[in-house]
């Protein structure tokens, strides 16, 4: 059963599904709101940042920290990339 998250969440069901999959509240809200907006195409939005392979391990770690990726401190650069994409 989905909850009503007022006006802040545009697609309650998707938000709840993403939260159940372990995503942070912020990330789940961004994804569900982007997909609910017909003018946005989150899967085609990229291109503003270089690919993760070009990032330093420290930069990847900082991004993983922002997204609350668990176990990030023990990850290699390749594992951080996989976690950020997954």
PDB file of N, CA and C in Angstrom:
ATOM      1  N   UNK A   1       0.847  -1.181   0.000  1.00  0.00           N
ATOM      2  CA  UNK A   1       0.000   0.000   0.000  1.00  0.00           C
ATOM      3  C   UNK A   1       0.885   1.234   0.000  1.00  0.00           C
ATOM      4  N   UNK A   2       0.652   2.118  -0.929  1.00  0.00           N
ATOM      5  CA  UNK A   2       1.468   3.320  -1.015  1.00  0.00           C
ATOM      6  C   UNK A   2       0.953   4.376  -0.052  1.00  0.00           C
ATOM      7  N   UNK A   3       1.865   5.205   0.388  1.00  0.00           N
ATOM      8  CA  UNK A   3       1.525   6.304   1.284  1.00  0.00           C
ATOM      9  C   UNK A   3       1.381   7.564   0.458  1.00  0.00           C
ATOM     10  N   UNK A   4       0.657   8.511   0.989  1.00  0.00           N
ATOM     11  CA  UNK A   4       0.546   9.800   0.320  1.00  0.00           C
ATOM     12  C   UNK A   4       1.638  10.702   0.888  1.00  0.00           C
ATOM     13  N   UNK A   5       2.593  11.067   0.063  1.00  0.00           N
ATOM     14  CA  UNK A   5       3.716  11.890   0.495  1.00  0.00           C
ATOM     15  C   UNK A   5       3.483  13.360   0.171  1.00  0.00           C
ATOM     16  N   UNK A   6       2.242  13.764   0.105  1.00  0.00           N
ATOM     17  CA  UNK A   6       1.853  15.149  -0.206  1.00  0.00           C
ATOM     18  C   UNK A   6       2.372  15.542  -1.582  1.00  0.00           C
ATOM     19  N   UNK A   7       2.669  16.808  -1.769  1.00  0.00           N
ATOM     20  CA  UNK A   7       3.087  17.293  -3.081  1.00  0.00           C
ATOM     21  C   UNK A   7       4.563  17.047  -3.378  1.00  0.00           C
ATOM     22  N   UNK A   8       5.331  16.621  -2.383  1.00  0.00           N
ATOM     23  CA  UNK A   8       6.762  16.468  -2.610  1.00  0.00           C
ATOM     24  C   UNK A   8       7.107  15.249  -3.461  1.00  0.00           C
ATOM     25  N   UNK A   9       6.280  14.220  -3.444  1.00  0.00           N
ATOM     26  CA  UNK A   9       6.524  13.006  -4.228  1.00  0.00           C
ATOM     27  C   UNK A   9       5.433  12.889  -5.282  1.00  0.00           C
ATOM     28  N   UNK A  10       5.853  12.805  -6.534  1.00  0.00           N
ATOM     29  CA  UNK A  10       4.893  12.785  -7.641  1.00  0.00           C
ATOM     30  C   UNK A  10       4.399  11.375  -7.976  1.00  0.00           C
ATOM     31  N   UNK A  11       5.187  10.350  -7.678  1.00  0.00           N
ATOM     32  CA  UNK A  11       4.793   8.967  -7.963  1.00  0.00           C
ATOM     33  C   UNK A  11       5.019   8.141  -6.701  1.00  0.00           C
ATOM     34  N   UNK A  12       3.983   8.072  -5.853  1.00  0.00           N
ATOM     35  CA  UNK A  12       4.096   7.405  -4.554  1.00  0.00           C
ATOM     36  C   UNK A  12       4.507   5.941  -4.679  1.00  0.00           C
ATOM     37  N   UNK A  13       3.924   5.216  -5.621  1.00  0.00           N
ATOM     38  CA  UNK A  13       4.211   3.783  -5.750  1.00  0.00           C
ATOM     39  C   UNK A  13       5.673   3.561  -6.107  1.00  0.00           C
ATOM     40  N   UNK A  14       6.177   4.281  -7.097  1.00  0.00           N
ATOM     41  CA  UNK A  14       7.577   4.125  -7.485  1.00  0.00           C
ATOM     42  C   UNK A  14       8.490   4.501  -6.325  1.00  0.00           C
ATOM     43  N   UNK A  15       8.164   5.575  -5.624  1.00  0.00           N
ATOM     44  CA  UNK A  15       8.953   6.003  -4.474  1.00  0.00           C
ATOM     45  C   UNK A  15       9.043   4.883  -3.440  1.00  0.00           C
ATOM     46  N   UNK A  16       7.904   4.309  -3.083  1.00  0.00           N
ATOM     47  CA  UNK A  16       7.878   3.228  -2.090  1.00  0.00           C
ATOM     48  C   UNK A  16       8.653   2.008  -2.579  1.00  0.00           C
ATOM     49  N   UNK A  17       8.529   1.664  -3.858  1.00  0.00           N
ATOM     50  CA  UNK A  17       9.265   0.530  -4.414  1.00  0.00           C
ATOM     51  C   UNK A  17      10.776   0.763  -4.324  1.00  0.00           C
ATOM     52  N   UNK A  18      11.207   1.976  -4.656  1.00  0.00           N
ATOM     53  CA  UNK A  18      12.626   2.295  -4.590  1.00  0.00           C
ATOM     54  C   UNK A  18      13.137   2.267  -3.152  1.00  0.00           C
ATOM     55  N   UNK A  19      12.348   2.756  -2.218  1.00  0.00           N
ATOM     56  CA  UNK A  19      12.731   2.731  -0.802  1.00  0.00           C
ATOM     57  C   UNK A  19      12.848   1.293  -0.307  1.00  0.00           C
ATOM     58  N   UNK A  20      11.916   0.421  -0.749  1.00  0.00           N
ATOM     59  CA  UNK A  20      11.978  -0.991  -0.350  1.00  0.00           C
ATOM     60  C   UNK A  20      13.222  -1.666  -0.912  1.00  0.00           C
ATOM     61  N   UNK A  21      13.704  -1.178  -2.066  1.00  0.00           N
ATOM     62  CA  UNK A  21      14.923  -1.718  -2.668  1.00  0.00           C
ATOM     63  C   UNK A  21      16.180  -1.184  -1.992  1.00  0.00           C
ATOM     64  N   UNK A  22      16.015  -0.285  -1.021  1.00  0.00           N
ATOM     65  CA  UNK A  22      17.143   0.196  -0.237  1.00  0.00           C
ATOM     66  C   UNK A  22      17.684   1.557  -0.614  1.00  0.00           C
ATOM     67  N   UNK A  23      17.028   2.264  -1.517  1.00  0.00           N
ATOM     68  CA  UNK A  23      17.514   3.593  -1.893  1.00  0.00           C
ATOM     69  C   UNK A  23      17.210   4.597  -0.787  1.00  0.00           C
ATOM     70  N   UNK A  24      18.044   5.635  -0.726  1.00  0.00           N
ATOM     71  CA  UNK A  24      17.813   6.695   0.255  1.00  0.00           C
ATOM     72  C   UNK A  24      16.529   7.441  -0.108  1.00  0.00           C
ATOM     73  N   UNK A  25      15.984   8.160   0.843  1.00  0.00           N
ATOM     74  CA  UNK A  25      14.765   8.934   0.593  1.00  0.00           C
ATOM     75  C   UNK A  25      14.989   9.955  -0.512  1.00  0.00           C
ATOM     76  N   UNK A  26      16.148  10.621  -0.472  1.00  0.00           N
ATOM     77  CA  UNK A  26      16.435  11.666  -1.457  1.00  0.00           C
ATOM     78  C   UNK A  26      16.534  11.091  -2.870  1.00  0.00           C
ATOM     79  N   UNK A  27      17.261   9.996  -3.006  1.00  0.00           N
ATOM     80  CA  UNK A  27      17.443   9.399  -4.333  1.00  0.00           C
ATOM     81  C   UNK A  27      16.115   8.859  -4.865  1.00  0.00           C
ATOM     82  N   UNK A  28      15.350   8.194  -4.010  1.00  0.00           N
ATOM     83  CA  UNK A  28      14.051   7.664  -4.428  1.00  0.00           C
ATOM     84  C   UNK A  28      13.117   8.789  -4.848  1.00  0.00           C
ATOM     85  N   UNK A  29      13.146   9.895  -4.131  1.00  0.00           N
ATOM     86  CA  UNK A  29      12.293  11.039  -4.480  1.00  0.00           C
ATOM     87  C   UNK A  29      12.703  11.636  -5.820  1.00  0.00           C
ATOM     88  N   UNK A  30      14.024  11.798  -6.036  1.00  0.00           N
ATOM     89  CA  UNK A  30      14.482  12.368  -7.305  1.00  0.00           C
ATOM     90  C   UNK A  30      14.082  11.489  -8.487  1.00  0.00           C
ATOM     91  N   UNK A  31      14.260  10.185  -8.353  1.00  0.00           N
ATOM     92  CA  UNK A  31      13.935   9.281  -9.455  1.00  0.00           C
ATOM     93  C   UNK A  31      12.440   9.250  -9.709  1.00  0.00           C
ATOM     94  N   UNK A  32      11.647   9.101  -8.652  1.00  0.00           N
ATOM     95  CA  UNK A  32      10.194   9.005  -8.842  1.00  0.00           C
ATOM     96  C   UNK A  32       9.618  10.306  -9.394  1.00  0.00           C
ATOM     97  N   UNK A  33      10.133  11.442  -8.970  1.00  0.00           N
ATOM     98  CA  UNK A  33       9.641  12.722  -9.491  1.00  0.00           C
ATOM     99  C   UNK A  33      10.065  12.932 -10.938  1.00  0.00           C
ATOM    100  N   UNK A  34      11.269  12.528 -11.283  1.00  0.00           N
ATOM    101  CA  UNK A  34      11.738  12.682 -12.663  1.00  0.00           C
ATOM    102  C   UNK A  34      10.925  11.812 -13.617  1.00  0.00           C
ATOM    103  N   UNK A  35      10.636  10.600 -13.211  1.00  0.00           N
ATOM    104  CA  UNK A  35       9.868   9.712 -14.084  1.00  0.00           C
ATOM    105  C   UNK A  35       8.409  10.123 -14.192  1.00  0.00           C
ATOM    106  N   UNK A  36       7.904  10.826 -13.192  1.00  0.00           N
ATOM    107  CA  UNK A  36       6.510  11.269 -13.226  1.00  0.00           C
ATOM    108  C   UNK A  36       6.334  12.492 -14.115  1.00  0.00           C
ATOM    109  N   UNK A  37       7.437  13.162 -14.449  1.00  0.00           N
ATOM    110  CA  UNK A  37       7.386  14.369 -15.274  1.00  0.00           C
ATOM    111  C   UNK A  37       7.588  13.980 -16.742  1.00  0.00           C
ATOM    112  N   UNK A  38       6.584  14.158 -17.586  1.00  0.00           N
ATOM    113  CA  UNK A  38       6.708  13.738 -18.987  1.00  0.00           C
ATOM    114  C   UNK A  38       7.765  14.516 -19.771  1.00  0.00           C
ATOM    115  N   UNK A  39       8.184  15.669 -19.269  1.00  0.00           N
ATOM    116  CA  UNK A  39       9.200  16.463 -19.964  1.00  0.00           C
ATOM    117  C   UNK A  39      10.621  16.034 -19.620  1.00  0.00           C
ATOM    118  N   UNK A  40      10.769  15.199 -18.604  1.00  0.00           N
ATOM    119  CA  UNK A  40      12.099  14.745 -18.201  1.00  0.00           C
ATOM    120  C   UNK A  40      12.312  13.313 -18.672  1.00  0.00           C
ATOM    121  N   UNK A  41      13.528  13.016 -19.025  1.00  0.00           N
ATOM    122  CA  UNK A  41      13.891  11.666 -19.445  1.00  0.00           C
ATOM    123  C   UNK A  41      15.151  11.274 -18.678  1.00  0.00           C
ATOM    124  N   UNK A  42      14.997  10.792 -17.430  1.00  0.00           N
ATOM    125  CA  UNK A  42      16.172  10.539 -16.601  1.00  0.00           C
ATOM    126  C   UNK A  42      17.164   9.562 -17.224  1.00  0.00           C
ATOM    127  N   UNK A  43      16.700   8.627 -18.021  1.00  0.00           N
ATOM    128  CA  UNK A  43      17.628   7.666 -18.606  1.00  0.00           C
ATOM    129  C   UNK A  43      18.436   8.278 -19.749  1.00  0.00           C
ATOM    130  N   UNK A  44      17.993   9.391 -20.296  1.00  0.00           N
ATOM    131  CA  UNK A  44      18.711  10.036 -21.394  1.00  0.00           C
ATOM    132  C   UNK A  44      19.318  11.372 -20.973  1.00  0.00           C
ATOM    133  N   UNK A  45      19.324  11.663 -19.690  1.00  0.00           N
ATOM    134  CA  UNK A  45      19.737  12.971 -19.214  1.00  0.00           C
ATOM    135  C   UNK A  45      21.247  13.159 -19.169  1.00  0.00           C
ATOM    136  N   UNK A  46      22.020  12.101 -19.107  1.00  0.00           N
ATOM    137  CA  UNK A  46      23.463  12.155 -18.878  1.00  0.00           C
ATOM    138  C   UNK A  46      24.245  13.091 -19.782  1.00  0.00           C
ATOM    139  N   UNK A  47      25.550  13.002 -19.662  1.00  0.00           N
ATOM    140  CA  UNK A  47      26.424  13.785 -20.505  1.00  0.00           C
ATOM    141  C   UNK A  47      27.029  14.999 -19.837  1.00  0.00           C
ATOM    142  N   UNK A  48      26.623  15.323 -18.626  1.00  0.00           N
ATOM    143  CA  UNK A  48      27.148  16.511 -17.956  1.00  0.00           C
ATOM    144  C   UNK A  48      28.416  16.210 -17.168  1.00  0.00           C
ATOM    145  N   UNK A  49      28.622  14.978 -16.814  1.00  0.00           N
ATOM    146  CA  UNK A  49      29.796  14.567 -16.057  1.00  0.00           C
ATOM    147  C   UNK A  49      30.588  13.563 -16.888  1.00  0.00           C
ATOM    148  N   UNK A  50      31.905  13.503 -16.672  1.00  0.00           N
ATOM    149  CA  UNK A  50      32.674  12.470 -17.362  1.00  0.00           C
ATOM    150  C   UNK A  50      32.277  11.097 -16.824  1.00  0.00           C
ATOM    151  N   UNK A  51      32.535  10.044 -17.572  1.00  0.00           N
ATOM    152  CA  UNK A  51      32.190   8.705 -17.083  1.00  0.00           C
ATOM    153  C   UNK A  51      32.925   8.399 -15.779  1.00  0.00           C
ATOM    154  N   UNK A  52      32.316   7.558 -14.952  1.00  0.00           N
ATOM    155  CA  UNK A  52      32.911   7.228 -13.654  1.00  0.00           C
ATOM    156  C   UNK A  52      34.335   6.701 -13.783  1.00  0.00           C
ATOM    157  N   UNK A  53      34.643   6.038 -14.872  1.00  0.00           N
ATOM    158  CA  UNK A  53      35.993   5.497 -15.058  1.00  0.00           C
ATOM    159  C   UNK A  53      37.050   6.606 -15.065  1.00  0.00           C
ATOM    160  N   UNK A  54      36.663   7.824 -15.420  1.00  0.00           N
ATOM    161  CA  UNK A  54      37.595   8.955 -15.451  1.00  0.00           C
ATOM    162  C   UNK A  54      37.709   9.660 -14.096  1.00  0.00           C
ATOM    163  N   UNK A  55      36.846   9.311 -13.143  1.00  0.00           N
ATOM    164  CA  UNK A  55      36.871   9.933 -11.824  1.00  0.00           C
ATOM    165  C   UNK A  55      37.988   9.310 -10.989  1.00  0.00           C
ATOM    166  N   UNK A  56      38.485  10.056 -10.010  1.00  0.00           N
ATOM    167  CA  UNK A  56      39.435   9.488  -9.053  1.00  0.00           C
ATOM    168  C   UNK A  56      38.656   8.641  -8.053  1.00  0.00           C
ATOM    169  N   UNK A  57      39.380   7.757  -7.359  1.00  0.00           N
ATOM    170  CA  UNK A  57      38.719   6.933  -6.345  1.00  0.00           C
ATOM    171  C   UNK A  57      38.138   7.817  -5.242  1.00  0.00           C
ATOM    172  N   UNK A  58      38.852   8.880  -4.888  1.00  0.00           N
ATOM    173  CA  UNK A  58      38.355   9.797  -3.851  1.00  0.00           C
ATOM    174  C   UNK A  58      37.049  10.465  -4.271  1.00  0.00           C
ATOM    175  N   UNK A  59      36.962  10.875  -5.536  1.00  0.00           N
ATOM    176  CA  UNK A  59      35.735  11.505  -6.032  1.00  0.00           C
ATOM    177  C   UNK A  59      34.586  10.499  -6.047  1.00  0.00           C
ATOM    178  N   UNK A  60      34.885   9.265  -6.444  1.00  0.00           N
ATOM    179  CA  UNK A  60      33.852   8.218  -6.426  1.00  0.00           C
ATOM    180  C   UNK A  60      33.383   7.957  -4.999  1.00  0.00           C
ATOM    181  N   UNK A  61      34.316   7.930  -4.063  1.00  0.00           N
ATOM    182  CA  UNK A  61      33.976   7.705  -2.664  1.00  0.00           C
ATOM    183  C   UNK A  61      33.074   8.827  -2.144  1.00  0.00           C
ATOM    184  N   UNK A  62      33.403  10.068  -2.476  1.00  0.00           N
ATOM    185  CA  UNK A  62      32.577  11.204  -2.042  1.00  0.00           C
ATOM    186  C   UNK A  62      31.160  11.097  -2.599  1.00  0.00           C
ATOM    187  N   UNK A  63      31.054  10.695  -3.870  1.00  0.00           N
ATOM    188  CA  UNK A  63      29.731  10.533  -4.478  1.00  0.00           C
ATOM    189  C   UNK A  63      28.970   9.391  -3.802  1.00  0.00           C
ATOM    190  N   UNK A  64      29.653   8.315  -3.500  1.00  0.00           N
ATOM    191  CA  UNK A  64      29.027   7.186  -2.803  1.00  0.00           C
ATOM    192  C   UNK A  64      28.560   7.608  -1.413  1.00  0.00           C
ATOM    193  N   UNK A  65      29.332   8.490  -0.782  1.00  0.00           N
ATOM    194  CA  UNK A  65      28.951   9.022   0.522  1.00  0.00           C
ATOM    195  C   UNK A  65      27.659   9.839   0.404  1.00  0.00           C
ATOM    196  N   UNK A  66      27.573  10.678  -0.623  1.00  0.00           N
ATOM    197  CA  UNK A  66      26.376  11.492  -0.843  1.00  0.00           C
ATOM    198  C   UNK A  66      25.138  10.614  -1.040  1.00  0.00           C
ATOM    199  N   UNK A  67      25.317   9.480  -1.712  1.00  0.00           N
ATOM    200  CA  UNK A  67      24.192   8.593  -2.015  1.00  0.00           C
ATOM    201  C   UNK A  67      23.995   7.524  -0.946  1.00  0.00           C
ATOM    202  N   UNK A  68      24.776   7.615   0.134  1.00  0.00           N
ATOM    203  CA  UNK A  68      24.653   6.702   1.262  1.00  0.00           C
ATOM    204  C   UNK A  68      24.853   5.243   0.856  1.00  0.00           C
ATOM    205  N   UNK A  69      25.855   4.979   0.023  1.00  0.00           N
ATOM    206  CA  UNK A  69      26.184   3.610  -0.383  1.00  0.00           C
ATOM    207  C   UNK A  69      26.842   2.920   0.799  1.00  0.00           C
ATOM    208  N   UNK A  70      26.281   1.793   1.209  1.00  0.00           N
ATOM    209  CA  UNK A  70      26.826   1.065   2.355  1.00  0.00           C
ATOM    210  C   UNK A  70      28.055   0.266   1.939  1.00  0.00           C
ATOM    211  N   UNK A  71      29.030   0.180   2.822  1.00  0.00           N
ATOM    212  CA  UNK A  71      30.240  -0.585   2.581  1.00  0.00           C
ATOM    213  C   UNK A  71      31.244   0.109   1.691  1.00  0.00           C
ATOM    214  N   UNK A  72      31.048   1.379   1.424  1.00  0.00           N
ATOM    215  CA  UNK A  72      31.894   2.112   0.474  1.00  0.00           C
ATOM    216  C   UNK A  72      33.351   2.201   0.914  1.00  0.00           C
ATOM    217  N   UNK A  73      33.604   2.216   2.215  1.00  0.00           N
ATOM    218  CA  UNK A  73      34.983   2.394   2.681  1.00  0.00           C
ATOM    219  C   UNK A  73      35.873   1.199   2.355  1.00  0.00           C
ATOM    220  N   UNK A  74      35.283   0.029   2.133  1.00  0.00           N
ATOM    221  CA  UNK A  74      36.062  -1.158   1.814  1.00  0.00           C
ATOM    222  C   UNK A  74      36.102  -1.457   0.314  1.00  0.00           C
ATOM    223  N   UNK A  75      35.496  -0.606  -0.507  1.00  0.00           N
ATOM    224  CA  UNK A  75      35.367  -0.892  -1.936  1.00  0.00           C
ATOM    225  C   UNK A  75      36.565  -0.397  -2.737  1.00  0.00           C
ATOM    226  N   UNK A  76      36.856  -1.143  -3.799  1.00  0.00           N
ATOM    227  CA  UNK A  76      37.851  -0.706  -4.777  1.00  0.00           C
ATOM    228  C   UNK A  76      37.192   0.304  -5.706  1.00  0.00           C
ATOM    229  N   UNK A  77      37.986   0.896  -6.573  1.00  0.00           N
ATOM    230  CA  UNK A  77      37.434   1.856  -7.530  1.00  0.00           C
ATOM    231  C   UNK A  77      36.361   1.192  -8.401  1.00  0.00           C
ATOM    232  N   UNK A  78      36.644  -0.015  -8.912  1.00  0.00           N
ATOM    233  CA  UNK A  78      35.669  -0.715  -9.751  1.00  0.00           C
ATOM    234  C   UNK A  78      34.388  -1.048  -8.985  1.00  0.00           C
ATOM    235  N   UNK A  79      34.523  -1.425  -7.730  1.00  0.00           N
ATOM    236  CA  UNK A  79      33.343  -1.730  -6.914  1.00  0.00           C
ATOM    237  C   UNK A  79      32.524  -0.465  -6.652  1.00  0.00           C
ATOM    238  N   UNK A  80      33.190   0.654  -6.439  1.00  0.00           N
ATOM    239  CA  UNK A  80      32.476   1.919  -6.250  1.00  0.00           C
ATOM    240  C   UNK A  80      31.694   2.280  -7.506  1.00  0.00           C
ATOM    241  N   UNK A  81      32.304   2.098  -8.670  1.00  0.00           N
ATOM    242  CA  UNK A  81      31.627   2.387  -9.934  1.00  0.00           C
ATOM    243  C   UNK A  81      30.390   1.516 -10.068  1.00  0.00           C
ATOM    244  N   UNK A  82      30.537   0.220  -9.793  1.00  0.00           N
ATOM    245  CA  UNK A  82      29.391  -0.692  -9.878  1.00  0.00           C
ATOM    246  C   UNK A  82      28.284  -0.293  -8.905  1.00  0.00           C
ATOM    247  N   UNK A  83      28.659   0.086  -7.694  1.00  0.00           N
ATOM    248  CA  UNK A  83      27.660   0.481  -6.687  1.00  0.00           C
ATOM    249  C   UNK A  83      26.941   1.759  -7.102  1.00  0.00           C
ATOM    250  N   UNK A  84      27.667   2.707  -7.667  1.00  0.00           N
ATOM    251  CA  UNK A  84      27.054   3.968  -8.079  1.00  0.00           C
ATOM    252  C   UNK A  84      26.125   3.767  -9.267  1.00  0.00           C
ATOM    253  N   UNK A  85      26.439   2.821 -10.112  1.00  0.00           N
ATOM    254  CA  UNK A  85      25.580   2.558 -11.279  1.00  0.00           C
ATOM    255  C   UNK A  85      24.414   1.645 -10.930  1.00  0.00           C
ATOM    256  N   UNK A  86      24.563   0.871  -9.871  1.00  0.00           N
ATOM    257  CA  UNK A  86      23.554  -0.126  -9.551  1.00  0.00           C
ATOM    258  C   UNK A  86      22.466   0.390  -8.730  1.00  0.00           C
TER     259      UNK A  86
END
